[in-house]
Full PDB file with SEQRES, HELIX, SHEET, SSBOND, CRYST1, ORIGX, SCALE, CONECT and MASTER records, all heavy atoms in Angstrom:
SEQRES   1 A   33  HIS GLN LYS GLN ARG LYS ALA THR PHE ILE LYS SER LYS          
SEQRES   2 A   33  ASN LEU PRO ASN SER SER THR LEU LYS LYS THR VAL PRO          
SEQRES   3 A   33  LYS LYS ALA ARG GLU PRO ARG                                  
HELIX    1 AA1 GLN A    2  LYS A   11  1                                  10    
HELIX    2 AA2 SER A   18  ARG A   30  1                                  13    
CRYST1    1.000    1.000    1.000  90.00  90.00  90.00 P 1           1          
ORIGX1      1.000000  0.000000  0.000000        0.00000                         
ORIGX2      0.000000  1.000000  0.000000        0.00000                         
ORIGX3      0.000000  0.000000  1.000000        0.00000                         
SCALE1      1.000000  0.000000  0.000000        0.00000                         
SCALE2      0.000000  1.000000  0.000000        0.00000                         
SCALE3      0.000000  0.000000  1.000000        0.00000                         
ATOM      1  N   HIS A   1     -10.678 -10.697   7.967  1.00  0.00           N  
ATOM      2  CA  HIS A   1     -10.855 -10.555   6.579  1.00  0.00           C  
ATOM      3  C   HIS A   1     -10.178  -9.290   6.052  1.00  0.00           C  
ATOM      4  O   HIS A   1      -9.494  -9.355   4.992  1.00  0.00           O  
ATOM      5  CB  HIS A   1     -12.374 -10.508   6.222  1.00  0.00           C  
ATOM      6  CG  HIS A   1     -12.654 -10.333   4.827  1.00  0.00           C  
ATOM      7  ND1 HIS A   1     -12.318 -11.215   3.903  1.00  0.00           N  
ATOM      8  CD2 HIS A   1     -13.331  -9.320   4.180  1.00  0.00           C  
ATOM      9  CE1 HIS A   1     -12.725 -10.740   2.702  1.00  0.00           C  
ATOM     10  NE2 HIS A   1     -13.368  -9.655   2.898  1.00  0.00           N  
ATOM     11  N   GLN A   2     -10.270  -8.185   6.786  1.00  0.00           N  
ATOM     12  CA  GLN A   2      -9.660  -6.903   6.316  1.00  0.00           C  
ATOM     13  C   GLN A   2      -8.114  -7.060   6.339  1.00  0.00           C  
ATOM     14  O   GLN A   2      -7.535  -6.606   5.394  1.00  0.00           O  
ATOM     15  CB  GLN A   2     -10.061  -5.798   7.253  1.00  0.00           C  
ATOM     16  CG  GLN A   2     -11.497  -5.282   7.041  1.00  0.00           C  
ATOM     17  CD  GLN A   2     -11.946  -4.278   8.022  1.00  0.00           C  
ATOM     18  OE1 GLN A   2     -11.240  -4.018   8.974  1.00  0.00           O  
ATOM     19  NE2 GLN A   2     -13.116  -3.820   7.877  1.00  0.00           N  
ATOM     20  N   LYS A   3      -7.548  -7.636   7.362  1.00  0.00           N  
ATOM     21  CA  LYS A   3      -6.093  -7.853   7.393  1.00  0.00           C  
ATOM     22  C   LYS A   3      -5.642  -8.590   6.181  1.00  0.00           C  
ATOM     23  O   LYS A   3      -4.596  -8.286   5.587  1.00  0.00           O  
ATOM     24  CB  LYS A   3      -5.733  -8.521   8.700  1.00  0.00           C  
ATOM     25  CG  LYS A   3      -5.692  -7.598   9.888  1.00  0.00           C  
ATOM     26  CD  LYS A   3      -5.312  -8.237  11.133  1.00  0.00           C  
ATOM     27  CE  LYS A   3      -5.314  -7.347  12.340  1.00  0.00           C  
ATOM     28  NZ  LYS A   3      -5.300  -8.029  13.633  1.00  0.00           N  
ATOM     29  N   GLN A   4      -6.372  -9.659   5.876  1.00  0.00           N  
ATOM     30  CA  GLN A   4      -5.963 -10.481   4.719  1.00  0.00           C  
ATOM     31  C   GLN A   4      -5.990  -9.699   3.421  1.00  0.00           C  
ATOM     32  O   GLN A   4      -5.109  -9.793   2.727  1.00  0.00           O  
ATOM     33  CB  GLN A   4      -6.862 -11.720   4.586  1.00  0.00           C  
ATOM     34  CG  GLN A   4      -6.631 -12.804   5.599  1.00  0.00           C  
ATOM     35  CD  GLN A   4      -7.665 -13.857   5.715  1.00  0.00           C  
ATOM     36  OE1 GLN A   4      -8.741 -13.716   5.131  1.00  0.00           O  
ATOM     37  NE2 GLN A   4      -7.399 -14.925   6.457  1.00  0.00           N  
ATOM     38  N   ARG A   5      -7.035  -8.965   3.331  1.00  0.00           N  
ATOM     39  CA  ARG A   5      -7.191  -8.060   2.094  1.00  0.00           C  
ATOM     40  C   ARG A   5      -6.026  -7.108   2.014  1.00  0.00           C  
ATOM     41  O   ARG A   5      -5.469  -6.873   0.907  1.00  0.00           O  
ATOM     42  CB  ARG A   5      -8.552  -7.357   2.090  1.00  0.00           C  
ATOM     43  CG  ARG A   5      -9.679  -8.106   1.605  1.00  0.00           C  
ATOM     44  CD  ARG A   5     -10.927  -7.293   1.509  1.00  0.00           C  
ATOM     45  NE  ARG A   5     -10.649  -6.207   0.555  1.00  0.00           N  
ATOM     46  CZ  ARG A   5     -11.627  -5.611  -0.178  1.00  0.00           C  
ATOM     47  NH1 ARG A   5     -12.825  -6.055  -0.028  1.00  0.00           N  
ATOM     48  NH2 ARG A   5     -11.396  -4.598  -1.019  1.00  0.00           N  
ATOM     49  N   LYS A   6      -5.719  -6.484   3.088  1.00  0.00           N  
ATOM     50  CA  LYS A   6      -4.680  -5.431   3.176  1.00  0.00           C  
ATOM     51  C   LYS A   6      -3.330  -6.028   2.747  1.00  0.00           C  
ATOM     52  O   LYS A   6      -2.584  -5.563   1.999  1.00  0.00           O  
ATOM     53  CB  LYS A   6      -4.672  -4.778   4.508  1.00  0.00           C  
ATOM     54  CG  LYS A   6      -3.813  -3.489   4.634  1.00  0.00           C  
ATOM     55  CD  LYS A   6      -3.920  -2.967   5.986  1.00  0.00           C  
ATOM     56  CE  LYS A   6      -2.953  -1.812   6.195  1.00  0.00           C  
ATOM     57  NZ  LYS A   6      -2.901  -1.278   7.535  1.00  0.00           N  
ATOM     58  N   ALA A   7      -3.060  -7.209   3.409  1.00  0.00           N  
ATOM     59  CA  ALA A   7      -1.742  -7.885   3.200  1.00  0.00           C  
ATOM     60  C   ALA A   7      -1.663  -8.313   1.717  1.00  0.00           C  
ATOM     61  O   ALA A   7      -0.635  -8.024   1.125  1.00  0.00           O  
ATOM     62  CB  ALA A   7      -1.685  -9.089   4.046  1.00  0.00           C  
ATOM     63  N   THR A   8      -2.635  -8.823   1.181  1.00  0.00           N  
ATOM     64  CA  THR A   8      -2.656  -9.294  -0.265  1.00  0.00           C  
ATOM     65  C   THR A   8      -2.396  -8.048  -1.144  1.00  0.00           C  
ATOM     66  O   THR A   8      -1.694  -8.102  -2.158  1.00  0.00           O  
ATOM     67  CB  THR A   8      -3.954  -9.904  -0.691  1.00  0.00           C  
ATOM     68  OG1 THR A   8      -4.242 -10.922   0.307  1.00  0.00           O  
ATOM     69  CG2 THR A   8      -3.867 -10.438  -2.020  1.00  0.00           C  
ATOM     70  N   PHE A   9      -3.141  -6.902  -0.808  1.00  0.00           N  
ATOM     71  CA  PHE A   9      -3.047  -5.663  -1.653  1.00  0.00           C  
ATOM     72  C   PHE A   9      -1.590  -5.119  -1.626  1.00  0.00           C  
ATOM     73  O   PHE A   9      -0.971  -4.902  -2.707  1.00  0.00           O  
ATOM     74  CB  PHE A   9      -4.004  -4.654  -1.024  1.00  0.00           C  
ATOM     75  CG  PHE A   9      -3.908  -3.367  -1.802  1.00  0.00           C  
ATOM     76  CD1 PHE A   9      -4.511  -3.216  -3.013  1.00  0.00           C  
ATOM     77  CD2 PHE A   9      -3.304  -2.273  -1.211  1.00  0.00           C  
ATOM     78  CE1 PHE A   9      -4.435  -2.015  -3.718  1.00  0.00           C  
ATOM     79  CE2 PHE A   9      -3.268  -1.048  -1.842  1.00  0.00           C  
ATOM     80  CZ  PHE A   9      -3.914  -0.859  -3.101  1.00  0.00           C  
ATOM     81  N   ILE A  10      -0.897  -5.117  -0.504  1.00  0.00           N  
ATOM     82  CA  ILE A  10       0.450  -4.577  -0.380  1.00  0.00           C  
ATOM     83  C   ILE A  10       1.394  -5.494  -1.095  1.00  0.00           C  
ATOM     84  O   ILE A  10       2.268  -4.993  -1.784  1.00  0.00           O  
ATOM     85  CB  ILE A  10       0.772  -4.348   1.147  1.00  0.00           C  
ATOM     86  CG1 ILE A  10      -0.067  -3.250   1.729  1.00  0.00           C  
ATOM     87  CG2 ILE A  10       2.280  -4.103   1.312  1.00  0.00           C  
ATOM     88  CD1 ILE A  10       0.015  -3.031   3.142  1.00  0.00           C  
ATOM     89  N   LYS A  11       1.300  -6.791  -0.922  1.00  0.00           N  
ATOM     90  CA  LYS A  11       2.222  -7.713  -1.520  1.00  0.00           C  
ATOM     91  C   LYS A  11       2.197  -7.677  -3.043  1.00  0.00           C  
ATOM     92  O   LYS A  11       3.141  -7.834  -3.709  1.00  0.00           O  
ATOM     93  CB  LYS A  11       1.893  -9.158  -1.106  1.00  0.00           C  
ATOM     94  CG  LYS A  11       2.371  -9.604   0.201  1.00  0.00           C  
ATOM     95  CD  LYS A  11       1.953 -11.028   0.533  1.00  0.00           C  
ATOM     96  CE  LYS A  11       1.961 -11.248   2.063  1.00  0.00           C  
ATOM     97  NZ  LYS A  11       1.217 -12.518   2.396  1.00  0.00           N  
ATOM     98  N   SER A  12       0.988  -7.387  -3.586  1.00  0.00           N  
ATOM     99  CA  SER A  12       0.869  -7.435  -5.107  1.00  0.00           C  
ATOM    100  C   SER A  12       1.309  -6.093  -5.653  1.00  0.00           C  
ATOM    101  O   SER A  12       1.449  -5.980  -6.889  1.00  0.00           O  
ATOM    102  CB  SER A  12      -0.572  -7.642  -5.439  1.00  0.00           C  
ATOM    103  OG  SER A  12      -1.359  -6.484  -5.075  1.00  0.00           O  
ATOM    104  N   LYS A  13       1.633  -5.074  -4.909  1.00  0.00           N  
ATOM    105  CA  LYS A  13       2.113  -3.807  -5.424  1.00  0.00           C  
ATOM    106  C   LYS A  13       3.697  -3.911  -5.649  1.00  0.00           C  
ATOM    107  O   LYS A  13       4.397  -4.342  -4.845  1.00  0.00           O  
ATOM    108  CB  LYS A  13       1.858  -2.654  -4.331  1.00  0.00           C  
ATOM    109  CG  LYS A  13       0.642  -1.815  -4.596  1.00  0.00           C  
ATOM    110  CD  LYS A  13       0.642  -1.245  -5.887  1.00  0.00           C  
ATOM    111  CE  LYS A  13      -0.252  -0.039  -5.993  1.00  0.00           C  
ATOM    112  NZ  LYS A  13      -0.456   0.287  -7.448  1.00  0.00           N  
ATOM    113  N   ASN A  14       4.073  -3.293  -6.781  1.00  0.00           N  
ATOM    114  CA  ASN A  14       5.504  -3.150  -7.007  1.00  0.00           C  
ATOM    115  C   ASN A  14       5.870  -1.757  -6.519  1.00  0.00           C  
ATOM    116  O   ASN A  14       5.301  -0.778  -7.007  1.00  0.00           O  
ATOM    117  CB  ASN A  14       5.821  -3.318  -8.475  1.00  0.00           C  
ATOM    118  CG  ASN A  14       5.630  -4.761  -8.944  1.00  0.00           C  
ATOM    119  OD1 ASN A  14       5.895  -5.634  -8.205  1.00  0.00           O  
ATOM    120  ND2 ASN A  14       5.134  -4.969 -10.179  1.00  0.00           N  
ATOM    121  N   LEU A  15       6.841  -1.675  -5.660  1.00  0.00           N  
ATOM    122  CA  LEU A  15       7.309  -0.431  -5.211  1.00  0.00           C  
ATOM    123  C   LEU A  15       8.706  -0.025  -5.801  1.00  0.00           C  
ATOM    124  O   LEU A  15       9.704  -0.624  -5.357  1.00  0.00           O  
ATOM    125  CB  LEU A  15       7.384  -0.420  -3.651  1.00  0.00           C  
ATOM    126  CG  LEU A  15       6.102  -0.692  -3.009  1.00  0.00           C  
ATOM    127  CD1 LEU A  15       6.343  -0.855  -1.478  1.00  0.00           C  
ATOM    128  CD2 LEU A  15       5.055   0.319  -3.157  1.00  0.00           C  
ATOM    129  N   PRO A  16       8.713   0.795  -6.879  1.00  0.00           N  
ATOM    130  CA  PRO A  16       9.941   0.912  -7.660  1.00  0.00           C  
ATOM    131  C   PRO A  16      11.112   1.628  -6.849  1.00  0.00           C  
ATOM    132  O   PRO A  16      12.202   1.075  -6.873  1.00  0.00           O  
ATOM    133  CB  PRO A  16       9.514   1.797  -8.833  1.00  0.00           C  
ATOM    134  CG  PRO A  16       8.194   2.367  -8.550  1.00  0.00           C  
ATOM    135  CD  PRO A  16       7.578   1.495  -7.444  1.00  0.00           C  
ATOM    136  N   ASN A  17      10.844   2.815  -6.257  1.00  0.00           N  
ATOM    137  CA  ASN A  17      11.912   3.407  -5.500  1.00  0.00           C  
ATOM    138  C   ASN A  17      11.352   4.255  -4.319  1.00  0.00           C  
ATOM    139  O   ASN A  17      10.243   4.427  -4.214  1.00  0.00           O  
ATOM    140  CB  ASN A  17      12.795   4.303  -6.414  1.00  0.00           C  
ATOM    141  CG  ASN A  17      11.986   5.389  -7.049  1.00  0.00           C  
ATOM    142  OD1 ASN A  17      11.204   6.097  -6.358  1.00  0.00           O  
ATOM    143  ND2 ASN A  17      12.140   5.626  -8.331  1.00  0.00           N  
ATOM    144  N   SER A  18      12.256   4.713  -3.406  1.00  0.00           N  
ATOM    145  CA  SER A  18      11.835   5.361  -2.198  1.00  0.00           C  
ATOM    146  C   SER A  18      11.152   6.677  -2.461  1.00  0.00           C  
ATOM    147  O   SER A  18      10.179   7.046  -1.726  1.00  0.00           O  
ATOM    148  CB  SER A  18      13.055   5.601  -1.329  1.00  0.00           C  
ATOM    149  OG  SER A  18      13.976   6.391  -1.997  1.00  0.00           O  
ATOM    150  N   SER A  19      11.389   7.413  -3.534  1.00  0.00           N  
ATOM    151  CA  SER A  19      10.742   8.681  -3.752  1.00  0.00           C  
ATOM    152  C   SER A  19       9.246   8.413  -4.171  1.00  0.00           C  
ATOM    153  O   SER A  19       8.371   9.104  -3.763  1.00  0.00           O  
ATOM    154  CB  SER A  19      11.411   9.526  -4.882  1.00  0.00           C  
ATOM    155  OG  SER A  19      11.398   8.808  -6.065  1.00  0.00           O  
ATOM    156  N   THR A  20       9.037   7.380  -4.952  1.00  0.00           N  
ATOM    157  CA  THR A  20       7.678   6.979  -5.330  1.00  0.00           C  
ATOM    158  C   THR A  20       6.903   6.500  -4.053  1.00  0.00           C  
ATOM    159  O   THR A  20       5.743   6.809  -3.926  1.00  0.00           O  
ATOM    160  CB  THR A  20       7.523   5.901  -6.454  1.00  0.00           C  
ATOM    161  OG1 THR A  20       8.583   6.200  -7.370  1.00  0.00           O  
ATOM    162  CG2 THR A  20       6.151   5.757  -6.971  1.00  0.00           C  
ATOM    163  N   LEU A  21       7.619   5.734  -3.238  1.00  0.00           N  
ATOM    164  CA  LEU A  21       7.064   5.127  -1.979  1.00  0.00           C  
ATOM    165  C   LEU A  21       6.446   6.246  -1.099  1.00  0.00           C  
ATOM    166  O   LEU A  21       5.371   6.196  -0.594  1.00  0.00           O  
ATOM    167  CB  LEU A  21       8.053   4.342  -1.259  1.00  0.00           C  
ATOM    168  CG  LEU A  21       7.669   3.645  -0.001  1.00  0.00           C  
ATOM    169  CD1 LEU A  21       6.610   2.618  -0.341  1.00  0.00           C  
ATOM    170  CD2 LEU A  21       8.805   3.025   0.704  1.00  0.00           C  
ATOM    171  N   LYS A  22       7.214   7.361  -0.988  1.00  0.00           N  
ATOM    172  CA  LYS A  22       6.761   8.462  -0.138  1.00  0.00           C  
ATOM    173  C   LYS A  22       5.438   9.095  -0.689  1.00  0.00           C  
ATOM    174  O   LYS A  22       4.622   9.493   0.113  1.00  0.00           O  
ATOM    175  CB  LYS A  22       7.867   9.601  -0.020  1.00  0.00           C  
ATOM    176  CG  LYS A  22       8.954   9.159   0.882  1.00  0.00           C  
ATOM    177  CD  LYS A  22      10.053  10.210   0.961  1.00  0.00           C  
ATOM    178  CE  LYS A  22      11.320   9.694   1.680  1.00  0.00           C  
ATOM    179  NZ  LYS A  22      12.434  10.516   1.535  1.00  0.00           N  
ATOM    180  N   LYS A  23       5.340   9.124  -1.950  1.00  0.00           N  
ATOM    181  CA  LYS A  23       4.116   9.663  -2.531  1.00  0.00           C  
ATOM    182  C   LYS A  23       2.894   8.763  -2.422  1.00  0.00           C  
ATOM    183  O   LYS A  23       1.827   9.207  -2.237  1.00  0.00           O  
ATOM    184  CB  LYS A  23       4.336  10.009  -4.011  1.00  0.00           C  
ATOM    185  CG  LYS A  23       5.207  11.163  -4.266  1.00  0.00           C  
ATOM    186  CD  LYS A  23       5.509  11.337  -5.713  1.00  0.00           C  
ATOM    187  CE  LYS A  23       6.585  12.411  -5.930  1.00  0.00           C  
ATOM    188  NZ  LYS A  23       7.058  12.498  -7.308  1.00  0.00           N  
ATOM    189  N   THR A  24       3.121   7.369  -2.583  1.00  0.00           N  
ATOM    190  CA  THR A  24       2.041   6.438  -2.589  1.00  0.00           C  
ATOM    191  C   THR A  24       1.593   6.002  -1.173  1.00  0.00           C  
ATOM    192  O   THR A  24       0.407   5.747  -1.031  1.00  0.00           O  
ATOM    193  CB  THR A  24       2.398   5.258  -3.425  1.00  0.00           C  
ATOM    194  OG1 THR A  24       3.513   4.674  -2.822  1.00  0.00           O  
ATOM    195  CG2 THR A  24       2.488   5.591  -4.852  1.00  0.00           C  
ATOM    196  N   VAL A  25       2.456   5.993  -0.251  1.00  0.00           N  
ATOM    197  CA  VAL A  25       2.035   5.487   1.169  1.00  0.00           C  
ATOM    198  C   VAL A  25       0.919   6.228   1.727  1.00  0.00           C  
ATOM    199  O   VAL A  25      -0.049   5.581   2.196  1.00  0.00           O  
ATOM    200  CB  VAL A  25       3.319   5.296   2.032  1.00  0.00           C  
ATOM    201  CG1 VAL A  25       2.872   5.105   3.425  1.00  0.00           C  
ATOM    202  CG2 VAL A  25       4.187   4.171   1.528  1.00  0.00           C  
ATOM    203  N   PRO A  26       0.926   7.526   1.809  1.00  0.00           N  
ATOM    204  CA  PRO A  26      -0.149   8.301   2.516  1.00  0.00           C  
ATOM    205  C   PRO A  26      -1.500   7.949   1.814  1.00  0.00           C  
ATOM    206  O   PRO A  26      -2.470   7.793   2.459  1.00  0.00           O  
ATOM    207  CB  PRO A  26       0.185   9.707   2.389  1.00  0.00           C  
ATOM    208  CG  PRO A  26       1.717   9.723   2.175  1.00  0.00           C  
ATOM    209  CD  PRO A  26       2.061   8.537   1.456  1.00  0.00           C  
ATOM    210  N   LYS A  27      -1.394   7.921   0.489  1.00  0.00           N  
ATOM    211  CA  LYS A  27      -2.722   7.592  -0.279  1.00  0.00           C  
ATOM    212  C   LYS A  27      -3.206   6.193   0.110  1.00  0.00           C  
ATOM    213  O   LYS A  27      -4.398   6.031   0.362  1.00  0.00           O  
ATOM    214  CB  LYS A  27      -2.509   7.741  -1.781  1.00  0.00           C  
ATOM    215  CG  LYS A  27      -3.750   7.647  -2.509  1.00  0.00           C  
ATOM    216  CD  LYS A  27      -3.516   7.681  -4.030  1.00  0.00           C  
ATOM    217  CE  LYS A  27      -4.794   7.423  -4.781  1.00  0.00           C  
ATOM    218  NZ  LYS A  27      -4.522   7.129  -6.185  1.00  0.00           N  
ATOM    219  N   LYS A  28      -2.304   5.217   0.105  1.00  0.00           N  
ATOM    220  CA  LYS A  28      -2.684   3.821   0.382  1.00  0.00           C  
ATOM    221  C   LYS A  28      -3.138   3.694   1.842  1.00  0.00           C  
ATOM    222  O   LYS A  28      -3.982   2.976   2.168  1.00  0.00           O  
ATOM    223  CB  LYS A  28      -1.555   2.882   0.087  1.00  0.00           C  
ATOM    224  CG  LYS A  28      -1.181   2.814  -1.377  1.00  0.00           C  
ATOM    225  CD  LYS A  28      -2.320   2.439  -2.258  1.00  0.00           C  
ATOM    226  CE  LYS A  28      -1.974   2.615  -3.739  1.00  0.00           C  
ATOM    227  NZ  LYS A  28      -3.093   2.821  -4.571  1.00  0.00           N  
ATOM    228  N   ALA A  29      -2.540   4.536   2.645  1.00  0.00           N  
ATOM    229  CA  ALA A  29      -2.913   4.396   4.141  1.00  0.00           C  
ATOM    230  C   ALA A  29      -4.345   4.877   4.426  1.00  0.00           C  
ATOM    231  O   ALA A  29      -4.972   4.425   5.358  1.00  0.00           O  
ATOM    232  CB  ALA A  29      -1.846   5.188   4.993  1.00  0.00           C  
ATOM    233  N   ARG A  30      -4.712   5.818   3.532  1.00  0.00           N  
ATOM    234  CA  ARG A  30      -6.146   6.255   3.784  1.00  0.00           C  
ATOM    235  C   ARG A  30      -7.166   5.280   3.312  1.00  0.00           C  
ATOM    236  O   ARG A  30      -8.266   5.305   3.864  1.00  0.00           O  
ATOM    237  CB  ARG A  30      -6.321   7.562   2.989  1.00  0.00           C  
ATOM    238  CG  ARG A  30      -5.782   8.856   3.670  1.00  0.00           C  
ATOM    239  CD  ARG A  30      -6.409  10.074   3.062  1.00  0.00           C  
ATOM    240  NE  ARG A  30      -6.083  10.184   1.637  1.00  0.00           N  
ATOM    241  CZ  ARG A  30      -4.996  10.728   1.096  1.00  0.00           C  
ATOM    242  NH1 ARG A  30      -4.030  11.195   1.928  1.00  0.00           N  
ATOM    243  NH2 ARG A  30      -4.819  10.825  -0.142  1.00  0.00           N  
ATOM    244  N   GLU A  31      -6.861   4.432   2.342  1.00  0.00           N  
ATOM    245  CA  GLU A  31      -7.827   3.549   1.684  1.00  0.00           C  
ATOM    246  C   GLU A  31      -8.553   2.604   2.724  1.00  0.00           C  
ATOM    247  O   GLU A  31      -9.746   2.486   2.807  1.00  0.00           O  
ATOM    248  CB  GLU A  31      -7.264   2.778   0.551  1.00  0.00           C  
ATOM    249  CG  GLU A  31      -7.251   3.694  -0.638  1.00  0.00           C  
ATOM    250  CD  GLU A  31      -6.642   2.981  -1.880  1.00  0.00           C  
ATOM    251  OE1 GLU A  31      -6.462   1.741  -1.732  1.00  0.00           O  
ATOM    252  OE2 GLU A  31      -6.360   3.640  -2.867  1.00  0.00           O  
ATOM    253  N   PRO A  32      -7.726   1.916   3.558  1.00  0.00           N  
ATOM    254  CA  PRO A  32      -8.387   1.010   4.575  1.00  0.00           C  
ATOM    255  C   PRO A  32      -9.378   1.806   5.506  1.00  0.00           C  
ATOM    256  O   PRO A  32     -10.450   1.266   5.814  1.00  0.00           O  
ATOM    257  CB  PRO A  32      -7.192   0.395   5.330  1.00  0.00           C  
ATOM    258  CG  PRO A  32      -6.049   0.488   4.444  1.00  0.00           C  
ATOM    259  CD  PRO A  32      -6.340   1.797   3.664  1.00  0.00           C  
ATOM    260  N   ARG A  33      -8.986   3.012   5.905  1.00  0.00           N  
ATOM    261  CA  ARG A  33      -9.876   3.798   6.796  1.00  0.00           C  
ATOM    262  C   ARG A  33     -11.217   4.054   6.073  1.00  0.00           C  
ATOM    263  O   ARG A  33     -12.270   3.955   6.653  1.00  0.00           O  
ATOM    264  CB  ARG A  33      -9.189   5.054   7.240  1.00  0.00           C  
ATOM    265  CG  ARG A  33      -8.378   4.811   8.527  1.00  0.00           C  
ATOM    266  CD  ARG A  33      -8.156   6.177   9.191  1.00  0.00           C  
ATOM    267  NE  ARG A  33      -7.434   7.178   8.376  1.00  0.00           N  
ATOM    268  CZ  ARG A  33      -6.023   7.192   8.423  1.00  0.00           C  
ATOM    269  NH1 ARG A  33      -5.352   6.333   9.052  1.00  0.00           N  
ATOM    270  NH2 ARG A  33      -5.431   8.040   7.691  1.00  0.00           N  
TER     271      ARG A  33                                                      
MASTER        0    0    0    2    0    0    0    6  270    1    0    3          
END                                                                             
């Protein structure tokens, strides 16, 4: 169930460019934990 939620969450996110990606990934990585 968690894997499905995580996959859906990531797919629905628009990632505009690599500089924004670096800022958002650590924050998003903390959420599942």
